[in-house]
Amino acid sequence: VNAGMAGLTEALGGALLGVGLFARLASVPVIFCMLVAYASAHRAEAFYAAKPFWFFVTAVVVLALGAGRWSIDGQLAARRGSPPARLDEGSPG
């Protein structure tokens, strides 16, 4: 059951991240899944050398920055007339 849930999370979450649909929402279970994968199967390796590391980093970046203007989320936001959120919004200067 656990392996099936992890596989479904990686496949569905990875597909959603790949096309940028519900990207920030999809990145949360992917991040959790990658942390569990590291803790359970790759603990002997250095964290940055483990196989789930780059998938984890990608999901964290998408969670922090969003999927971008070329994603489906970005295109939907442009149609609504509201650009995707940017990190520099609200900063002085």
N, C-alpha and C. Protein backbone atom coordinates (compact mmCIF):
# COMPACT_ATOMS: atom_id res chain seq x y z
N VAL A 1 0.83 -1.19 0.00
CA VAL A 1 0.00 0.00 0.00
C VAL A 1 0.88 1.26 0.00
N ASN A 2 1.91 1.28 0.84
CA ASN A 2 2.77 2.46 0.93
C ASN A 2 3.50 2.71 -0.38
N ALA A 3 4.02 1.64 -0.99
CA ALA A 3 4.74 1.80 -2.25
C ALA A 3 3.79 2.27 -3.35
N GLY A 4 2.56 1.79 -3.34
CA GLY A 4 1.58 2.22 -4.32
C GLY A 4 1.23 3.69 -4.16
N MET A 5 1.06 4.13 -2.91
CA MET A 5 0.77 5.54 -2.66
C MET A 5 1.95 6.43 -3.05
N ALA A 6 3.16 5.97 -2.75
CA ALA A 6 4.35 6.75 -3.13
C ALA A 6 4.46 6.82 -4.65
N GLY A 7 4.22 5.71 -5.32
CA GLY A 7 4.27 5.71 -6.78
C GLY A 7 3.21 6.62 -7.39
N LEU A 8 2.01 6.57 -6.85
CA LEU A 8 0.94 7.43 -7.34
C LEU A 8 1.26 8.91 -7.09
N THR A 9 1.80 9.20 -5.92
CA THR A 9 2.18 10.58 -5.60
C THR A 9 3.25 11.08 -6.54
N GLU A 10 4.27 10.25 -6.78
CA GLU A 10 5.35 10.65 -7.68
C GLU A 10 4.85 10.80 -9.12
N ALA A 11 4.03 9.87 -9.58
CA ALA A 11 3.55 9.93 -10.97
C ALA A 11 2.58 11.09 -11.18
N LEU A 12 1.56 11.17 -10.35
CA LEU A 12 0.57 12.23 -10.52
C LEU A 12 1.15 13.59 -10.17
N GLY A 13 1.86 13.68 -9.06
CA GLY A 13 2.49 14.94 -8.68
C GLY A 13 3.53 15.39 -9.69
N GLY A 14 4.32 14.45 -10.19
CA GLY A 14 5.32 14.78 -11.21
C GLY A 14 4.69 15.26 -12.50
N ALA A 15 3.60 14.63 -12.89
CA ALA A 15 2.90 15.06 -14.11
C ALA A 15 2.31 16.46 -13.94
N LEU A 16 1.69 16.71 -12.78
CA LEU A 16 1.13 18.04 -12.53
C LEU A 16 2.23 19.10 -12.47
N LEU A 17 3.36 18.77 -11.86
CA LEU A 17 4.48 19.71 -11.84
C LEU A 17 5.04 19.92 -13.24
N GLY A 18 5.08 18.87 -14.02
CA GLY A 18 5.63 18.96 -15.37
C GLY A 18 4.85 19.89 -16.28
N VAL A 19 3.54 19.88 -16.17
CA VAL A 19 2.73 20.75 -17.03
C VAL A 19 2.36 22.05 -16.32
N GLY A 20 2.61 22.10 -15.02
CA GLY A 20 2.33 23.33 -14.28
C GLY A 20 0.87 23.53 -13.97
N LEU A 21 0.15 22.46 -13.69
CA LEU A 21 -1.26 22.56 -13.32
C LEU A 21 -1.37 22.28 -11.82
N PHE A 22 -1.95 23.21 -11.07
CA PHE A 22 -2.01 23.11 -9.60
C PHE A 22 -0.62 22.84 -9.03
N ALA A 23 0.38 23.51 -9.57
CA ALA A 23 1.77 23.18 -9.30
C ALA A 23 2.14 23.36 -7.83
N ARG A 24 1.75 24.47 -7.24
CA ARG A 24 2.12 24.68 -5.83
C ARG A 24 1.43 23.67 -4.93
N LEU A 25 0.19 23.38 -5.19
CA LEU A 25 -0.53 22.39 -4.41
C LEU A 25 0.07 21.00 -4.61
N ALA A 26 0.42 20.66 -5.83
CA ALA A 26 0.98 19.34 -6.13
C ALA A 26 2.38 19.16 -5.56
N SER A 27 3.11 20.26 -5.36
CA SER A 27 4.48 20.13 -4.87
C SER A 27 4.55 19.68 -3.41
N VAL A 28 3.54 19.97 -2.62
CA VAL A 28 3.58 19.62 -1.19
C VAL A 28 3.65 18.11 -0.97
N PRO A 29 2.74 17.29 -1.55
CA PRO A 29 2.89 15.85 -1.33
C PRO A 29 4.15 15.27 -1.98
N VAL A 30 4.62 15.88 -3.06
CA VAL A 30 5.85 15.40 -3.70
C VAL A 30 7.04 15.66 -2.77
N ILE A 31 7.10 16.82 -2.16
CA ILE A 31 8.17 17.13 -1.21
C ILE A 31 8.15 16.13 -0.06
N PHE A 32 6.97 15.89 0.51
CA PHE A 32 6.85 14.94 1.60
C PHE A 32 7.30 13.54 1.17
N CYS A 33 6.88 13.12 -0.02
CA CYS A 33 7.23 11.80 -0.53
C CYS A 33 8.75 11.67 -0.71
N MET A 34 9.39 12.71 -1.21
CA MET A 34 10.84 12.66 -1.42
C MET A 34 11.59 12.64 -0.09
N LEU A 35 11.09 13.35 0.91
CA LEU A 35 11.73 13.30 2.23
C LEU A 35 11.60 11.91 2.85
N VAL A 36 10.43 11.30 2.69
CA VAL A 36 10.24 9.95 3.19
C VAL A 36 11.12 8.96 2.42
N ALA A 37 11.21 9.14 1.11
CA ALA A 37 12.07 8.25 0.31
C ALA A 37 13.52 8.36 0.75
N TYR A 38 13.97 9.56 1.00
CA TYR A 38 15.35 9.72 1.47
C TYR A 38 15.54 9.09 2.84
N ALA A 39 14.61 9.36 3.75
CA ALA A 39 14.74 8.86 5.12
C ALA A 39 14.67 7.34 5.19
N SER A 40 13.90 6.73 4.31
CA SER A 40 13.73 5.28 4.40
C SER A 40 14.68 4.48 3.52
N ALA A 41 15.10 5.01 2.38
CA ALA A 41 15.88 4.19 1.46
C ALA A 41 17.27 4.73 1.15
N HIS A 42 17.50 6.01 1.33
CA HIS A 42 18.76 6.61 0.90
C HIS A 42 19.53 7.26 2.04
N ARG A 43 19.25 6.87 3.25
CA ARG A 43 19.84 7.52 4.41
C ARG A 43 21.36 7.41 4.44
N ALA A 44 21.93 6.33 3.91
CA ALA A 44 23.38 6.15 3.95
C ALA A 44 24.11 7.11 3.02
N GLU A 45 23.43 7.61 2.00
CA GLU A 45 24.05 8.53 1.05
C GLU A 45 23.98 9.96 1.58
N ALA A 46 24.87 10.79 1.07
CA ALA A 46 24.76 12.22 1.36
C ALA A 46 23.44 12.71 0.76
N PHE A 47 22.78 13.64 1.42
CA PHE A 47 21.45 14.06 0.98
C PHE A 47 21.47 14.57 -0.46
N TYR A 48 22.46 15.37 -0.83
CA TYR A 48 22.51 15.93 -2.18
C TYR A 48 22.89 14.90 -3.23
N ALA A 49 23.44 13.76 -2.83
CA ALA A 49 23.82 12.71 -3.79
C ALA A 49 22.73 11.66 -3.95
N ALA A 50 21.72 11.70 -3.11
CA ALA A 50 20.64 10.70 -3.17
C ALA A 50 19.77 10.94 -4.39
N LYS A 51 19.16 9.88 -4.89
CA LYS A 51 18.33 9.97 -6.09
C LYS A 51 17.14 10.93 -5.95
N PRO A 52 16.45 10.98 -4.82
CA PRO A 52 15.29 11.89 -4.75
C PRO A 52 15.66 13.36 -4.59
N PHE A 53 16.96 13.70 -4.48
CA PHE A 53 17.35 15.07 -4.16
C PHE A 53 16.88 16.09 -5.19
N TRP A 54 17.12 15.85 -6.48
CA TRP A 54 16.78 16.86 -7.49
C TRP A 54 15.28 16.99 -7.69
N PHE A 55 14.55 15.90 -7.53
CA PHE A 55 13.09 15.98 -7.59
C PHE A 55 12.58 16.80 -6.40
N PHE A 56 13.19 16.60 -5.23
CA PHE A 56 12.86 17.37 -4.04
C PHE A 56 13.15 18.86 -4.27
N VAL A 57 14.33 19.17 -4.79
CA VAL A 57 14.70 20.58 -5.03
C VAL A 57 13.74 21.23 -6.02
N THR A 58 13.41 20.52 -7.09
CA THR A 58 12.47 21.06 -8.08
C THR A 58 11.12 21.37 -7.45
N ALA A 59 10.63 20.46 -6.63
CA ALA A 59 9.33 20.68 -5.98
C ALA A 59 9.38 21.85 -5.01
N VAL A 60 10.48 22.02 -4.29
CA VAL A 60 10.62 23.15 -3.37
C VAL A 60 10.66 24.46 -4.15
N VAL A 61 11.37 24.48 -5.26
CA VAL A 61 11.45 25.70 -6.08
C VAL A 61 10.07 26.06 -6.62
N VAL A 62 9.33 25.06 -7.11
CA VAL A 62 7.98 25.33 -7.62
C VAL A 62 7.06 25.80 -6.50
N LEU A 63 7.19 25.23 -5.32
CA LEU A 63 6.38 25.68 -4.19
C LEU A 63 6.70 27.13 -3.85
N ALA A 64 7.97 27.49 -3.88
CA ALA A 64 8.38 28.85 -3.51
C ALA A 64 8.08 29.87 -4.60
N LEU A 65 8.32 29.52 -5.86
CA LEU A 65 8.24 30.50 -6.94
C LEU A 65 7.03 30.35 -7.84
N GLY A 66 6.35 29.23 -7.78
CA GLY A 66 5.26 28.97 -8.71
C GLY A 66 5.79 28.33 -9.98
N ALA A 67 4.89 27.97 -10.86
CA ALA A 67 5.28 27.24 -12.06
C ALA A 67 5.74 28.14 -13.20
N GLY A 68 5.42 29.41 -13.15
CA GLY A 68 5.88 30.33 -14.19
C GLY A 68 4.81 30.64 -15.22
N ARG A 69 5.12 31.60 -16.07
CA ARG A 69 4.11 32.09 -17.02
C ARG A 69 3.79 31.10 -18.13
N TRP A 70 4.69 30.18 -18.45
CA TRP A 70 4.43 29.25 -19.54
C TRP A 70 3.70 27.99 -19.08
N SER A 71 3.46 27.87 -17.79
CA SER A 71 2.72 26.72 -17.27
C SER A 71 1.23 26.90 -17.51
N ILE A 72 0.48 25.86 -17.27
CA ILE A 72 -0.98 25.97 -17.39
C ILE A 72 -1.51 26.94 -16.33
N ASP A 73 -0.97 26.87 -15.12
CA ASP A 73 -1.38 27.83 -14.08
C ASP A 73 -1.12 29.26 -14.54
N GLY A 74 0.04 29.50 -15.13
CA GLY A 74 0.38 30.84 -15.61
C GLY A 74 -0.54 31.30 -16.73
N GLN A 75 -0.89 30.39 -17.63
CA GLN A 75 -1.79 30.75 -18.73
C GLN A 75 -3.20 31.04 -18.21
N LEU A 76 -3.66 30.26 -17.25
CA LEU A 76 -4.97 30.51 -16.65
C LEU A 76 -4.99 31.84 -15.91
N ALA A 77 -3.91 32.15 -15.20
CA ALA A 77 -3.84 33.43 -14.49
C ALA A 77 -3.84 34.59 -15.48
N ALA A 78 -3.15 34.44 -16.61
CA ALA A 78 -3.11 35.50 -17.62
C ALA A 78 -4.49 35.72 -18.23
N ARG A 79 -5.25 34.65 -18.42
CA ARG A 79 -6.61 34.79 -18.96
C ARG A 79 -7.53 35.51 -17.99
N ARG A 80 -7.31 35.29 -16.70
CA ARG A 80 -8.11 35.98 -15.69
C ARG A 80 -7.67 37.43 -15.52
N GLY A 81 -6.51 37.76 -16.06
CA GLY A 81 -6.00 39.11 -15.94
C GLY A 81 -5.18 39.34 -14.69
N SER A 82 -4.88 38.28 -13.98
CA SER A 82 -4.04 38.41 -12.79
C SER A 82 -2.75 37.63 -13.02
N PRO A 83 -1.62 38.31 -13.13
CA PRO A 83 -0.36 37.61 -13.37
C PRO A 83 -0.01 36.73 -12.19
N PRO A 84 0.77 35.67 -12.42
CA PRO A 84 1.20 34.82 -11.30
C PRO A 84 2.00 35.63 -10.29
N ALA A 85 1.92 35.24 -9.03
CA ALA A 85 2.63 35.95 -7.97
C ALA A 85 4.13 35.89 -8.19
N ARG A 86 4.80 36.98 -7.87
CA ARG A 86 6.25 37.05 -8.00
C ARG A 86 6.85 37.32 -6.63
N LEU A 87 8.10 36.90 -6.46
CA LEU A 87 8.76 37.10 -5.17
C LEU A 87 9.02 38.57 -4.87
N ASP A 88 9.26 39.38 -5.89
CA ASP A 88 9.63 40.76 -5.62
C ASP A 88 8.43 41.69 -5.43
N GLU A 89 7.21 41.16 -5.50
CA GLU A 89 6.04 41.99 -5.27
C GLU A 89 5.97 42.39 -3.80
N GLY A 90 5.66 43.63 -3.59
CA GLY A 90 5.50 44.10 -2.22
C GLY A 90 6.81 44.49 -1.56
N SER A 91 7.94 44.29 -2.22
CA SER A 91 9.20 44.69 -1.61
C SER A 91 9.45 46.17 -1.88
N PRO A 92 10.00 46.85 -0.91
CA PRO A 92 10.25 48.29 -1.11
C PRO A 92 11.34 48.51 -2.15
N GLY A 93 11.14 49.54 -2.94
CA GLY A 93 12.16 49.94 -3.91
C GLY A 93 12.02 49.25 -5.13
